[in-house]
Amino acid sequence: MQRGADMFLRGLRDELDPALQDLKGLADRMGPALQSFVDEMGPAMAQLSEQIEDWTLYEAPEMLPNGDILIRRREKLDPDAPEAAPEMPEHGPGGEIEL
């Protein structure tokens, strides 16, 4: 019985080894890009997470043809609720607005 289990596990390992090697190669190729994404987008994602309390209230992100990304609410906000005034960006030197 032990020999049969050993043969089974050895066969399973031999079958999975190519897939695991492919996965390792993919991780090696994608690792630097993912790290760069985390470094650049991490602070923005943290800020977004502070503003969105319940992610289940939102649809999956949608990328528009112009590159904009929309995250739509699943439920409409209460139309009778007072609308918060939008925050206006601060003007930089020369009147520039950082987006």
Protein backbone atom coordinates (compact mmCIF):
# COMPACT_ATOMS: atom_id res chain seq x y z
CA MET A 1 0.00 0.00 0.00
CA GLN A 2 2.82 2.39 0.83
CA ARG A 3 4.54 1.56 -2.46
CA GLY A 4 1.30 2.23 -4.37
CA ALA A 5 0.84 5.59 -2.65
CA ASP A 6 4.48 6.46 -3.39
CA MET A 7 4.02 5.56 -7.07
CA PHE A 8 0.82 7.59 -7.24
CA LEU A 9 2.44 10.68 -5.70
CA ARG A 10 5.52 10.33 -7.94
CA GLY A 11 3.29 10.13 -11.02
CA LEU A 12 1.28 13.13 -9.87
CA ARG A 13 4.47 15.11 -9.34
CA ASP A 14 5.73 14.16 -12.81
CA GLU A 15 2.43 15.29 -14.36
CA LEU A 16 2.35 18.59 -12.49
CA ASP A 17 6.03 19.47 -12.92
CA PRO A 18 5.70 21.03 -16.43
CA ALA A 19 2.74 23.14 -15.33
CA LEU A 20 4.58 24.28 -12.22
CA GLN A 21 7.62 25.20 -14.31
CA ASP A 22 5.40 27.24 -16.66
CA LEU A 23 3.85 28.97 -13.67
CA LYS A 24 7.29 29.76 -12.25
CA GLY A 25 8.35 31.23 -15.59
CA LEU A 26 5.22 33.36 -15.70
CA ALA A 27 5.86 34.59 -12.17
CA ASP A 28 9.47 35.41 -13.07
CA ARG A 29 8.33 37.44 -16.10
CA MET A 30 5.43 39.21 -14.37
CA GLY A 31 7.08 39.82 -11.01
CA PRO A 32 8.87 43.07 -11.90
CA ALA A 33 5.81 44.49 -13.68
CA LEU A 34 3.55 43.65 -10.72
CA GLN A 35 6.04 45.17 -8.29
CA SER A 36 6.18 48.35 -10.37
CA PHE A 37 2.37 48.48 -10.43
CA VAL A 38 2.20 48.11 -6.64
CA ASP A 39 4.86 50.79 -6.14
CA GLU A 40 3.10 53.28 -8.42
CA MET A 41 -0.54 52.53 -7.72
CA GLY A 42 -0.36 51.41 -4.09
CA PRO A 43 -0.84 54.86 -2.54
CA ALA A 44 -3.73 55.69 -4.91
CA MET A 45 -5.40 52.34 -4.19
CA ALA A 46 -5.03 52.94 -0.45
CA GLN A 47 -6.69 56.35 -0.82
CA LEU A 48 -9.49 54.82 -2.89
CA SER A 49 -9.99 52.08 -0.30
CA GLU A 50 -10.47 54.72 2.39
CA GLN A 51 -13.25 56.34 0.36
CA ILE A 52 -15.07 53.12 -0.59
CA GLU A 53 -16.43 51.36 2.46
CA ASP A 54 -18.21 48.44 0.79
CA TRP A 55 -16.83 47.15 -2.52
CA THR A 56 -19.96 45.06 -3.10
CA LEU A 57 -21.86 48.28 -3.88
CA TYR A 58 -19.77 48.78 -7.05
CA GLU A 59 -19.51 47.13 -10.46
CA ALA A 60 -16.24 45.76 -11.79
CA PRO A 61 -13.97 48.49 -13.20
CA GLU A 62 -14.57 49.33 -16.86
CA MET A 63 -11.91 50.78 -19.17
CA LEU A 64 -13.17 53.22 -21.78
CA PRO A 65 -11.59 53.48 -25.26
CA ASN A 66 -9.78 56.67 -24.18
CA GLY A 67 -8.12 54.84 -21.27
CA ASP A 68 -10.31 56.23 -18.48
CA ILE A 69 -11.38 53.68 -15.87
CA LEU A 70 -14.88 53.85 -14.41
CA ILE A 71 -16.08 52.15 -11.26
CA ARG A 72 -19.87 52.43 -11.27
CA ARG A 73 -22.13 52.09 -8.23
CA ARG A 74 -24.56 49.17 -8.40
CA GLU A 75 -27.26 51.13 -6.58
CA LYS A 76 -28.19 54.72 -7.23
CA LEU A 77 -27.68 57.13 -4.37
CA ASP A 78 -30.75 58.49 -2.63
CA PRO A 79 -31.94 61.38 -4.86
CA ASP A 80 -33.34 63.25 -1.83
CA ALA A 81 -30.03 63.19 0.02
CA PRO A 82 -28.10 66.46 -0.06
CA GLU A 83 -25.32 66.33 -2.62
CA ALA A 84 -21.81 66.94 -1.32
CA ALA A 85 -19.94 69.72 -3.04
CA PRO A 86 -17.09 68.36 -5.17
CA GLU A 87 -13.58 69.04 -3.95
CA MET A 88 -11.85 71.54 -6.16
CA PRO A 89 -8.20 70.84 -6.99
CA GLU A 90 -5.62 73.31 -5.77
CA HIS A 91 -3.93 75.52 -8.33
CA GLY A 92 -0.18 75.17 -8.67
CA PRO A 93 2.31 77.79 -9.77
CA GLY A 94 1.25 79.24 -13.09
CA GLY A 95 -2.36 78.17 -12.52
CA GLU A 96 -1.82 74.47 -13.31
CA ILE A 97 -4.18 71.93 -11.80
CA GLU A 98 -2.73 68.51 -10.90
CA LEU A 99 -5.13 65.74 -11.73
